[in-house]
Amino acid sequence: MTIKTEHHYQELIDIFDSCFKDDFNTRLIKGDDEPIYLPADAEIPYHRVVFAHGYYASGMHEISHWLIAGKARRELVDFGYWYCPDGRDAETQSKFEDVEVKPQAQEWLLCVAANFPFNVSCDNLSGDVDPDRIAFQRRVHAQVMIYLQEGIPARTAKLIEALRDYYKTPPLAAEQFPWPEDLN
């Protein structure tokens, strides 16, 4: 079995669209600026998961937020989620990390399925607190283990299978998700 190791954003667009364009009227779109989710409107008749600058990693991250969002949230710009940009204080950073655990756990699952490197994102480069990346990754790791033991949500599982099929990767298993201290 040959495992594909190069990744291009168009592959991700094609795989996502093949899974969700028809059943969920949702497309993955390469953006030129900040990522955003835009529900269908009078001008564009389909929902758009817009990722930043054609970065494959940004596409994976934005998809993970779409996968977490329920039907009602998928009718709202950016799913109606609270977001505080880079530059957060300790309390705000803690709240940010709380809402990022599940999306980043799903992102990690997708990355392994695509044989693409995963890095947790604490996303606070200019804040007045240094996030504890290892502690946050432990929380994300714990959520990955829960998904593997209790079941991966249906939309995520569908995309994982499509990614595995395209990139020729093995079924997901706990040993593919190293404990944070084992990461380089």
Protein backbone atom coordinates (compact mmCIF):
# COMPACT_ATOMS: atom_id res chain seq x y z
CA MET A 1 0.00 0.00 0.00
CA THR A 2 1.38 3.42 -0.99
CA ILE A 3 0.63 6.23 1.46
CA LYS A 4 0.32 9.66 -0.14
CA THR A 5 2.40 12.20 1.79
CA GLU A 6 1.90 15.40 -0.21
CA HIS A 7 -1.27 17.38 0.34
CA HIS A 8 -2.93 20.03 -1.78
CA TYR A 9 -5.95 22.03 -0.68
CA GLN A 10 -7.90 21.07 -3.81
CA GLU A 11 -7.80 17.43 -2.70
CA LEU A 12 -9.42 18.42 0.58
CA ILE A 13 -12.04 20.50 -1.21
CA ASP A 14 -12.89 17.62 -3.53
CA ILE A 15 -13.08 15.06 -0.70
CA PHE A 16 -15.21 17.33 1.53
CA ASP A 17 -17.55 18.28 -1.30
CA SER A 18 -17.99 14.62 -2.32
CA CYS A 19 -19.11 13.85 1.23
CA PHE A 20 -21.29 16.86 2.04
CA LYS A 21 -22.18 18.96 -1.01
CA ASP A 22 -25.38 17.08 -1.79
CA ASP A 23 -26.62 15.89 1.62
CA PHE A 24 -25.77 19.08 3.53
CA ASN A 25 -25.69 21.71 0.74
CA THR A 26 -22.23 22.65 2.02
CA ARG A 27 -19.02 23.36 0.14
CA LEU A 28 -15.43 23.85 1.27
CA ILE A 29 -14.04 27.10 -0.15
CA LYS A 30 -10.47 28.42 -0.38
CA GLY A 31 -10.55 31.94 1.04
CA ASP A 32 -8.18 34.84 0.61
CA ASP A 33 -8.37 36.10 4.18
CA GLU A 34 -9.54 34.94 7.60
CA PRO A 35 -11.57 31.72 7.80
CA ILE A 36 -15.33 31.97 8.26
CA TYR A 37 -18.47 29.88 7.95
CA LEU A 38 -21.23 31.41 5.85
CA PRO A 39 -24.70 29.87 5.60
CA ALA A 40 -26.54 29.92 2.28
CA ASP A 41 -28.14 33.25 1.48
CA ALA A 42 -29.95 35.12 -1.30
CA GLU A 43 -26.72 35.45 -3.31
CA ILE A 44 -25.13 32.02 -2.80
CA PRO A 45 -27.48 29.05 -2.44
CA TYR A 46 -25.13 26.77 -0.50
CA HIS A 47 -23.35 26.88 2.87
CA ARG A 48 -19.61 27.68 2.78
CA VAL A 49 -16.81 26.53 5.04
CA VAL A 50 -14.18 29.10 4.06
CA PHE A 51 -10.58 28.35 5.03
CA ALA A 52 -7.58 30.68 4.98
CA HIS A 53 -5.34 31.19 1.95
CA GLY A 54 -5.49 27.64 0.64
CA TYR A 55 -3.71 26.23 3.69
CA TYR A 56 -4.56 22.55 4.04
CA ALA A 57 -4.23 22.81 7.84
CA SER A 58 -6.71 25.71 7.92
CA GLY A 59 -9.14 23.64 5.87
CA MET A 60 -8.88 20.77 8.34
CA HIS A 61 -9.44 23.11 11.29
CA GLU A 62 -12.45 24.86 9.77
CA ILE A 63 -13.98 21.54 8.75
CA SER A 64 -13.66 20.34 12.35
CA HIS A 65 -15.77 23.29 13.53
CA TRP A 66 -18.39 22.49 10.89
CA LEU A 67 -18.43 18.86 12.03
CA ILE A 68 -19.10 19.92 15.63
CA ALA A 69 -21.87 22.39 14.75
CA GLY A 70 -25.43 21.13 14.98
CA LYS A 71 -28.15 21.90 12.43
CA ALA A 72 -29.28 25.17 14.08
CA ARG A 73 -25.71 26.46 14.39
CA ARG A 74 -25.08 25.68 10.72
CA GLU A 75 -27.70 28.33 9.88
CA LEU A 76 -25.63 31.09 11.58
CA VAL A 77 -22.56 33.01 10.40
CA ASP A 78 -19.53 31.39 12.06
CA PHE A 79 -22.05 29.02 13.69
CA GLY A 80 -22.95 31.83 16.11
CA TYR A 81 -19.93 30.88 18.20
CA TRP A 82 -18.15 33.26 20.48
CA TYR A 83 -14.64 34.06 19.36
CA CYS A 84 -12.08 36.30 20.93
CA PRO A 85 -9.06 36.95 18.72
CA ASP A 86 -5.40 36.52 19.58
CA GLY A 87 -4.34 38.64 22.55
CA ARG A 88 -6.44 36.93 25.24
CA ASP A 89 -5.93 37.16 29.00
CA ALA A 90 -5.73 33.99 31.14
CA GLU A 91 -9.49 33.70 31.80
CA THR A 92 -10.43 34.29 28.17
CA GLN A 93 -7.74 31.87 26.99
CA SER A 94 -9.14 29.20 29.30
CA LYS A 95 -12.64 29.71 27.83
CA PHE A 96 -11.18 29.58 24.31
CA GLU A 97 -9.46 26.26 25.04
CA ASP A 98 -12.66 24.83 26.56
CA VAL A 99 -14.56 25.35 23.30
CA GLU A 100 -11.64 24.14 21.15
CA VAL A 101 -11.11 20.69 22.70
CA LYS A 102 -13.71 18.79 20.67
CA PRO A 103 -13.06 20.51 17.33
CA GLN A 104 -9.32 19.98 17.68
CA ALA A 105 -9.84 16.35 18.70
CA GLN A 106 -11.86 15.82 15.53
CA GLU A 107 -9.24 17.72 13.54
CA TRP A 108 -6.58 15.35 14.88
CA LEU A 109 -8.67 12.36 13.79
CA LEU A 110 -9.00 13.86 10.31
CA CYS A 111 -5.29 14.62 10.10
CA VAL A 112 -4.32 11.06 10.98
CA ALA A 113 -6.81 9.75 8.42
CA ALA A 114 -5.16 12.00 5.81
CA ASN A 115 -1.57 11.30 6.95
CA PHE A 116 -1.22 15.03 7.60
CA PRO A 117 0.62 16.49 10.61
CA PHE A 118 -1.55 17.79 13.44
CA ASN A 119 -0.58 20.57 15.82
CA VAL A 120 -2.85 21.84 18.56
CA SER A 121 -3.59 25.51 18.28
CA CYS A 122 -3.74 27.60 21.42
CA ASP A 123 -3.94 30.59 19.09
CA ASN A 124 -2.75 33.31 21.50
CA LEU A 125 0.56 34.58 20.13
CA SER A 126 0.23 38.15 21.41
CA GLY A 127 -1.77 37.53 24.57
CA ASP A 128 -0.62 38.39 28.06
CA VAL A 129 -0.61 34.71 29.04
CA ASP A 130 1.50 31.91 27.60
CA PRO A 131 -0.81 28.97 26.93
CA ASP A 132 0.27 25.58 28.23
CA ARG A 133 0.31 23.70 24.91
CA ILE A 134 1.10 20.35 26.54
CA ALA A 135 -1.79 20.63 29.02
CA PHE A 136 -4.15 21.62 26.22
CA GLN A 137 -2.93 18.80 24.00
CA ARG A 138 -3.53 16.35 26.87
CA ARG A 139 -7.17 17.50 26.93
CA VAL A 140 -7.44 17.12 23.15
CA HIS A 141 -5.77 13.68 23.38
CA ALA A 142 -8.25 12.60 26.06
CA GLN A 143 -11.14 13.61 23.79
CA VAL A 144 -9.63 11.68 20.87
CA MET A 145 -9.49 8.58 23.10
CA ILE A 146 -13.16 9.08 24.04
CA TYR A 147 -14.11 9.28 20.37
CA LEU A 148 -12.13 6.13 19.58
CA GLN A 149 -13.70 4.22 22.49
CA GLU A 150 -17.28 5.53 22.37
CA GLY A 151 -17.65 6.22 18.67
CA ILE A 152 -16.86 8.99 16.22
CA PRO A 153 -19.81 11.22 15.22
CA ALA A 154 -21.39 10.20 11.90
CA ARG A 155 -20.35 13.16 9.72
CA THR A 156 -16.80 12.96 11.03
CA ALA A 157 -16.70 9.20 10.47
CA LYS A 158 -17.89 9.69 6.88
CA LEU A 159 -15.12 12.20 6.17
CA ILE A 160 -12.51 10.04 7.90
CA GLU A 161 -13.42 7.12 5.64
CA ALA A 162 -13.20 9.32 2.53
CA LEU A 163 -9.80 10.68 3.63
CA ARG A 164 -8.52 7.17 4.43
CA ASP A 165 -9.69 5.95 1.05
CA TYR A 166 -8.03 8.82 -0.81
CA TYR A 167 -4.75 8.82 1.15
CA LYS A 168 -4.64 5.02 1.58
CA THR A 169 -4.21 5.13 5.35
CA PRO A 170 -5.01 2.38 7.87
CA PRO A 171 -8.01 2.39 10.23
CA LEU A 172 -7.66 4.77 13.16
CA ALA A 173 -6.23 3.30 16.35
CA ALA A 174 -5.20 4.74 19.71
CA GLU A 175 -1.48 4.18 19.07
CA GLN A 176 -1.62 6.67 16.16
CA PHE A 177 -2.26 9.48 18.68
CA PRO A 178 0.86 9.90 20.82
CA TRP A 179 0.77 11.25 24.35
CA PRO A 180 1.78 14.94 24.24
CA GLU A 181 5.14 14.40 25.96
CA ASP A 182 6.03 11.96 23.16
CA LEU A 183 5.60 14.62 20.47
CA ASN A 184 8.57 16.46 19.00
